[in-house]
């Protein structure tokens, strides 16, 4: 695969979009921690990335959101765990930062190649 291959950049973009989508879901879960009957929602991150490879990419599709089962439910029907959501938020933030760093390095490589070509 060439350093200038835009497929890598496109995949990183899809990865960033999916991570941002998941961060929004997690924030929504956290915001509804005291909402009676609220059910924790999430996505299968790896599954969605695989699906994006098989289909037209994440821009053309909406990630599949599901209610998380197996969580402890309070008497009011809410099953949001702040510990779980905080851990997922931190993990997703790290995934997002990693993808941004990789994307930044890709653009630096392209910029460097352009500068060397103009010399």
Protein backbone atom coordinates (compact mmCIF):
# COMPACT_ATOMS: atom_id res chain seq x y z
CA UNK A 1 0.00 0.00 0.00
CA UNK A 2 1.39 3.39 -1.00
CA UNK A 3 1.94 6.17 1.53
CA UNK A 4 -0.30 8.36 -0.61
CA UNK A 5 -3.12 5.82 -0.70
CA UNK A 6 -6.30 7.68 0.20
CA UNK A 7 -7.97 4.43 1.31
CA UNK A 8 -5.96 4.61 4.54
CA UNK A 9 -7.07 8.18 5.12
CA UNK A 10 -10.68 7.26 4.35
CA UNK A 11 -10.60 4.35 6.83
CA UNK A 12 -9.14 6.61 9.49
CA UNK A 13 -11.94 9.09 8.80
CA UNK A 14 -14.53 6.33 9.20
CA UNK A 15 -12.85 5.24 12.42
CA UNK A 16 -12.96 8.82 13.76
CA UNK A 17 -16.62 9.21 12.80
CA UNK A 18 -17.53 5.98 14.54
CA UNK A 19 -15.55 6.91 17.67
CA UNK A 20 -17.27 10.31 17.78
CA UNK A 21 -20.66 8.63 17.36
CA UNK A 22 -19.88 6.28 20.25
CA UNK A 23 -18.74 9.20 22.42
CA UNK A 24 -22.12 10.84 21.79
CA UNK A 25 -23.95 7.66 22.82
CA UNK A 26 -21.89 7.35 25.99
CA UNK A 27 -22.49 11.00 26.88
CA UNK A 28 -26.21 10.45 26.33
CA UNK A 29 -26.13 7.44 28.64
CA UNK A 30 -24.35 9.46 31.31
CA UNK A 31 -26.75 12.37 30.95
CA UNK A 32 -29.67 10.01 31.51
CA UNK A 33 -28.27 8.29 34.61
CA UNK A 34 -31.22 9.59 36.67
CA UNK A 35 -33.93 9.17 34.03
CA UNK A 36 -36.41 6.48 35.12
CA UNK A 37 -36.69 3.66 32.59
CA UNK A 38 -33.71 4.79 30.52
CA UNK A 39 -31.82 1.88 28.95
CA UNK A 40 -28.07 2.02 28.22
CA UNK A 41 -27.32 2.15 24.49
CA UNK A 42 -24.12 1.28 22.66
CA UNK A 43 -22.69 0.05 19.37
CA UNK A 44 -20.43 -2.87 18.48
CA UNK A 45 -17.39 -0.78 17.52
CA UNK A 46 -15.40 -3.57 15.85
CA UNK A 47 -18.49 -4.95 14.17
CA UNK A 48 -19.35 -1.54 12.75
CA UNK A 49 -15.83 -1.08 11.39
CA UNK A 50 -16.08 -4.48 9.69
CA UNK A 51 -19.49 -3.55 8.31
CA UNK A 52 -18.04 -0.29 6.96
CA UNK A 53 -15.41 -2.29 5.07
CA UNK A 54 -18.10 -4.48 3.52
CA UNK A 55 -20.43 -1.61 2.65
CA UNK A 56 -19.93 1.90 1.31
CA UNK A 57 -18.36 3.30 4.45
CA UNK A 58 -19.82 4.97 7.51
CA UNK A 59 -20.90 8.10 5.66
CA UNK A 60 -23.40 6.01 3.73
CA UNK A 61 -24.71 4.11 6.73
CA UNK A 62 -25.88 4.69 10.25
CA UNK A 63 -24.25 2.60 13.00
CA UNK A 64 -26.56 0.03 14.58
CA UNK A 65 -27.42 1.11 18.11
CA UNK A 66 -28.62 -1.49 20.59
CA UNK A 67 -29.72 -1.60 24.20
CA UNK A 68 -27.04 -3.13 26.38
CA UNK A 69 -28.30 -6.21 28.17
CA UNK A 70 -27.00 -7.82 31.33
CA UNK A 71 -26.51 -4.61 33.28
CA UNK A 72 -27.85 -4.18 36.80
CA UNK A 73 -31.21 -2.47 36.69
CA UNK A 74 -32.36 -0.14 39.44
CA UNK A 75 -35.93 -0.23 40.77
CA UNK A 76 -36.85 2.68 38.47
CA UNK A 77 -35.88 0.61 35.39
CA UNK A 78 -32.70 2.55 34.62
CA UNK A 79 -29.61 0.42 33.96
CA UNK A 80 -26.92 3.08 33.38
CA UNK A 81 -23.66 2.40 35.23
CA UNK A 82 -21.49 5.51 35.55
CA UNK A 83 -18.44 3.30 36.16
CA UNK A 84 -19.01 1.44 32.89
CA UNK A 85 -19.71 4.61 30.92
CA UNK A 86 -16.70 6.46 32.34
CA UNK A 87 -14.43 3.56 31.41
CA UNK A 88 -15.90 3.35 27.88
CA UNK A 89 -15.60 7.12 27.44
CA UNK A 90 -11.91 7.05 28.41
CA UNK A 91 -11.25 4.09 26.11
CA UNK A 92 -13.07 5.70 23.20
CA UNK A 93 -11.19 8.96 23.75
CA UNK A 94 -7.88 7.09 23.58
CA UNK A 95 -8.98 5.35 20.37
CA UNK A 96 -9.96 8.72 18.90
CA UNK A 97 -6.63 10.33 19.86
CA UNK A 98 -4.68 7.42 18.38
CA UNK A 99 -6.52 7.73 15.07
CA UNK A 100 -5.95 11.51 15.01
CA UNK A 101 -2.23 10.99 15.64
CA UNK A 102 -2.00 8.43 12.83
CA UNK A 103 -3.92 10.73 10.48
CA UNK A 104 -1.68 13.67 11.41
CA UNK A 105 1.41 11.58 10.61
CA UNK A 106 -0.07 10.57 7.25
CA UNK A 107 -0.61 14.22 6.34
CA UNK A 108 2.92 15.09 7.50
CA UNK A 109 4.29 12.34 5.22
CA UNK A 110 2.32 13.72 2.28
CA UNK A 111 3.42 17.28 3.06
CA UNK A 112 7.04 16.19 3.36
CA UNK A 113 6.88 14.35 0.03
CA UNK A 114 5.40 17.42 -1.66
CA UNK A 115 8.12 19.67 -0.22
CA UNK A 116 10.86 17.27 -1.30
CA UNK A 117 9.37 17.04 -4.78
CA UNK A 118 9.42 20.81 -5.17
CA UNK A 119 13.12 21.07 -4.26
